[in-house]
Amino acid sequence: MLNQFKTLFIMSVIVMIGPTLSCAFGANCWQPSISFFYDETIEDFAVGFGLQNEKMEFEISGTIDFNDPASGISYTQYNIGLISGLRHHLAKDVTGSFGFLGNIGFYDSFYNAGQNGKDNDPLTLGPYLGLGYQPTEHISIFVRIMPVSYERTSSNQIGIEVFQEGLMGMKYLF
């Protein structure tokens, strides 16, 4: 489990540093951000760190859920999300976007999670359509909806959902 987080952390640093350095050399500048949003794919609030410019957006997000059910067998679930998409200005302060969104969950103790009916790591993947409103230079309000999504639940049920998943929240741009 720890190795997965180390790998993810290193990948995140590379994804964030590359575009930031390209701005220093005159390329299309990337703007870092932190976002807070409700994510229906994990049915929880999440925190994300991202980069965006006039044409593209990338974000990595996460949550930690501490579960202490009545069975007395506790476990922790870690959810990690990735967003990668293209942006297009629709009006002065309004931006449309589309791209790919994915979330995966991990358990600190797969045995304990299994004792509570969690047989599999939850996973949601699919395209998204987004709309953002940026009333100031540093604040953006956004919504993203997945027209179609593949979902594998923690109880190992697999399904294709239509307009069932999405997220909405607020982003602070540095």
Protein backbone atom coordinates (compact mmCIF):
# COMPACT_ATOMS: atom_id res chain seq x y z
CA MET A 1 0.00 0.00 0.00
CA LEU A 2 2.77 2.45 0.93
CA ASN A 3 4.59 1.78 -2.36
CA GLN A 4 1.42 2.67 -4.31
CA PHE A 5 1.25 6.03 -2.55
CA LYS A 6 4.97 6.71 -3.11
CA THR A 7 4.55 5.99 -6.82
CA LEU A 8 1.44 8.17 -7.03
CA PHE A 9 3.20 11.01 -5.19
CA ILE A 10 6.20 10.91 -7.55
CA MET A 11 3.91 10.85 -10.60
CA SER A 12 1.94 13.81 -9.20
CA VAL A 13 5.10 15.85 -8.64
CA ILE A 14 6.25 15.16 -12.21
CA VAL A 15 2.83 16.06 -13.64
CA MET A 16 2.78 19.34 -11.69
CA ILE A 17 6.43 20.43 -12.18
CA GLY A 18 6.71 19.84 -15.94
CA PRO A 19 4.05 22.31 -17.07
CA THR A 20 5.10 24.85 -14.42
CA LEU A 21 8.69 24.85 -15.69
CA SER A 22 7.51 25.19 -19.30
CA CYS A 23 5.94 28.55 -18.34
CA ALA A 24 9.36 29.83 -17.25
CA PHE A 25 10.64 29.21 -20.78
CA GLY A 26 7.91 31.21 -22.52
CA ALA A 27 5.42 28.44 -23.23
CA ASN A 28 1.68 28.77 -22.54
CA CYS A 29 1.65 29.35 -18.76
CA TRP A 30 -0.03 26.90 -16.42
CA GLN A 31 -1.92 28.17 -13.40
CA PRO A 32 -1.81 25.96 -10.26
CA SER A 33 -4.99 25.54 -8.22
CA ILE A 34 -6.49 23.90 -5.18
CA SER A 35 -10.12 22.79 -5.32
CA PHE A 36 -12.76 21.63 -2.87
CA PHE A 37 -15.70 19.72 -4.28
CA TYR A 38 -18.37 17.09 -3.78
CA ASP A 39 -17.63 14.03 -5.93
CA GLU A 40 -20.60 11.77 -6.63
CA THR A 41 -18.31 9.00 -7.93
CA ILE A 42 -17.05 8.45 -4.36
CA GLU A 43 -20.08 10.01 -2.62
CA ASP A 44 -17.84 12.27 -0.55
CA PHE A 45 -16.10 15.64 -0.46
CA ALA A 46 -12.59 15.78 -1.92
CA VAL A 47 -9.58 18.08 -2.19
CA GLY A 48 -7.78 18.45 -5.50
CA PHE A 49 -4.56 19.99 -6.75
CA GLY A 50 -4.46 20.99 -10.38
CA LEU A 51 -2.96 22.90 -13.25
CA GLN A 52 -4.80 24.68 -16.03
CA ASN A 53 -4.11 27.01 -18.92
CA GLU A 54 -6.32 28.47 -21.64
CA LYS A 55 -6.69 25.11 -23.42
CA MET A 56 -6.15 22.27 -20.91
CA GLU A 57 -6.76 21.18 -17.31
CA PHE A 58 -5.25 18.47 -15.11
CA GLU A 59 -6.10 17.61 -11.52
CA ILE A 60 -5.33 14.97 -8.93
CA SER A 61 -7.67 14.66 -5.96
CA GLY A 62 -8.10 12.53 -2.90
CA THR A 63 -10.03 11.66 0.22
CA ILE A 64 -9.48 9.52 3.27
CA ASP A 65 -12.46 7.77 4.89
CA PHE A 66 -12.03 6.31 8.38
CA ASN A 67 -14.64 3.57 8.86
CA ASP A 68 -15.52 2.12 12.26
CA PRO A 69 -18.67 0.05 11.64
CA ALA A 70 -20.81 -1.69 14.25
CA SER A 71 -18.92 -4.94 13.57
CA GLY A 72 -15.94 -3.43 15.39
CA ILE A 73 -13.59 -4.26 12.51
CA SER A 74 -12.36 -0.85 11.35
CA TYR A 75 -10.65 0.02 8.08
CA THR A 76 -9.60 3.11 6.14
CA GLN A 77 -10.42 3.79 2.49
CA TYR A 78 -8.22 6.07 0.37
CA ASN A 79 -9.74 7.49 -2.83
CA ILE A 80 -7.61 8.99 -5.59
CA GLY A 81 -9.03 10.82 -8.59
CA LEU A 82 -7.49 12.07 -11.83
CA ILE A 83 -8.95 14.56 -14.29
CA SER A 84 -7.48 15.42 -17.67
CA GLY A 85 -9.31 17.54 -20.19
CA LEU A 86 -9.53 20.32 -22.75
CA ARG A 87 -11.01 23.76 -22.05
CA HIS A 88 -12.79 26.24 -24.32
CA HIS A 89 -13.98 29.76 -23.47
CA LEU A 90 -17.72 30.10 -24.10
CA ALA A 91 -18.19 33.66 -22.79
CA LYS A 92 -16.23 36.27 -20.82
CA ASP A 93 -16.16 34.39 -17.50
CA VAL A 94 -17.55 31.00 -18.63
CA THR A 95 -15.51 28.01 -19.75
CA GLY A 96 -16.65 24.66 -21.12
CA SER A 97 -14.51 21.55 -20.80
CA PHE A 98 -14.45 17.88 -21.69
CA GLY A 99 -12.06 15.07 -20.96
CA PHE A 100 -11.48 11.94 -18.90
CA LEU A 101 -12.22 11.43 -15.20
CA GLY A 102 -11.29 8.45 -13.05
CA ASN A 103 -11.41 7.48 -9.37
CA ILE A 104 -10.05 4.45 -7.58
CA GLY A 105 -10.23 3.46 -3.93
CA PHE A 106 -7.75 1.49 -1.82
CA TYR A 107 -8.10 -0.04 1.65
CA ASP A 108 -5.48 0.00 4.41
CA SER A 109 -6.56 -3.48 5.47
CA PHE A 110 -8.15 -5.46 2.67
CA TYR A 111 -8.97 -8.22 5.16
CA ASN A 112 -10.85 -5.85 7.50
CA ALA A 113 -12.63 -4.23 4.55
CA GLY A 114 -13.61 -7.70 3.31
CA GLN A 115 -15.09 -8.53 6.71
CA ASN A 116 -17.41 -5.54 6.19
CA GLY A 117 -18.58 -6.59 2.70
CA LYS A 118 -15.96 -4.66 0.72
CA ASP A 119 -14.70 -7.31 -1.69
CA ASN A 120 -12.99 -5.08 -4.23
CA ASP A 121 -11.33 -1.69 -4.69
CA PRO A 122 -14.01 0.69 -6.06
CA LEU A 123 -13.34 2.17 -9.50
CA THR A 124 -15.15 4.71 -11.70
CA LEU A 125 -13.96 5.75 -15.18
CA GLY A 126 -15.43 7.77 -18.01
CA PRO A 127 -15.58 10.96 -20.04
CA TYR A 128 -16.83 14.21 -18.54
CA LEU A 129 -18.40 17.46 -19.71
CA GLY A 130 -17.74 20.51 -17.59
CA LEU A 131 -18.81 24.08 -17.12
CA GLY A 132 -16.88 26.66 -15.12
CA TYR A 133 -17.64 30.21 -14.02
CA GLN A 134 -14.72 32.40 -12.96
CA PRO A 135 -16.07 35.68 -11.52
CA THR A 136 -12.62 36.80 -10.27
CA GLU A 137 -9.02 36.13 -11.21
CA HIS A 138 -8.57 33.59 -8.39
CA ILE A 139 -11.99 31.95 -7.83
CA SER A 140 -13.72 29.46 -10.12
CA ILE A 141 -16.99 27.59 -9.55
CA PHE A 142 -17.33 24.42 -11.60
CA VAL A 143 -19.50 21.42 -12.36
CA ARG A 144 -18.51 18.26 -14.26
CA ILE A 145 -20.90 15.53 -15.30
CA MET A 146 -20.13 12.10 -16.73
CA PRO A 147 -22.57 11.32 -19.57
CA VAL A 148 -21.56 7.67 -19.34
CA SER A 149 -19.38 5.91 -16.77
CA TYR A 150 -18.01 2.47 -15.96
CA GLU A 151 -18.32 1.64 -12.28
CA ARG A 152 -17.01 -1.26 -10.21
CA THR A 153 -18.30 -0.98 -6.66
CA SER A 154 -16.58 -2.19 -3.50
CA SER A 155 -18.99 -5.15 -3.47
CA ASN A 156 -17.66 -6.10 -6.96
CA GLN A 157 -20.80 -5.09 -8.87
CA ILE A 158 -20.00 -3.77 -12.34
CA GLY A 159 -22.23 -1.41 -14.25
CA ILE A 160 -22.46 1.23 -16.93
CA GLU A 161 -24.25 4.36 -15.75
CA VAL A 162 -25.74 7.17 -17.83
CA PHE A 163 -25.74 10.70 -16.33
CA GLN A 164 -25.38 9.27 -12.80
CA GLU A 165 -21.93 10.57 -11.81
CA GLY A 166 -20.33 13.99 -11.56
CA LEU A 167 -18.86 16.59 -9.27
CA MET A 168 -19.25 20.24 -8.37
CA GLY A 169 -17.20 22.63 -6.34
CA MET A 170 -14.95 25.63 -6.05
CA LYS A 171 -11.37 26.18 -7.13
CA TYR A 172 -8.79 28.72 -5.95
CA LEU A 173 -6.28 29.65 -8.67
CA PHE A 174 -2.85 30.92 -7.64
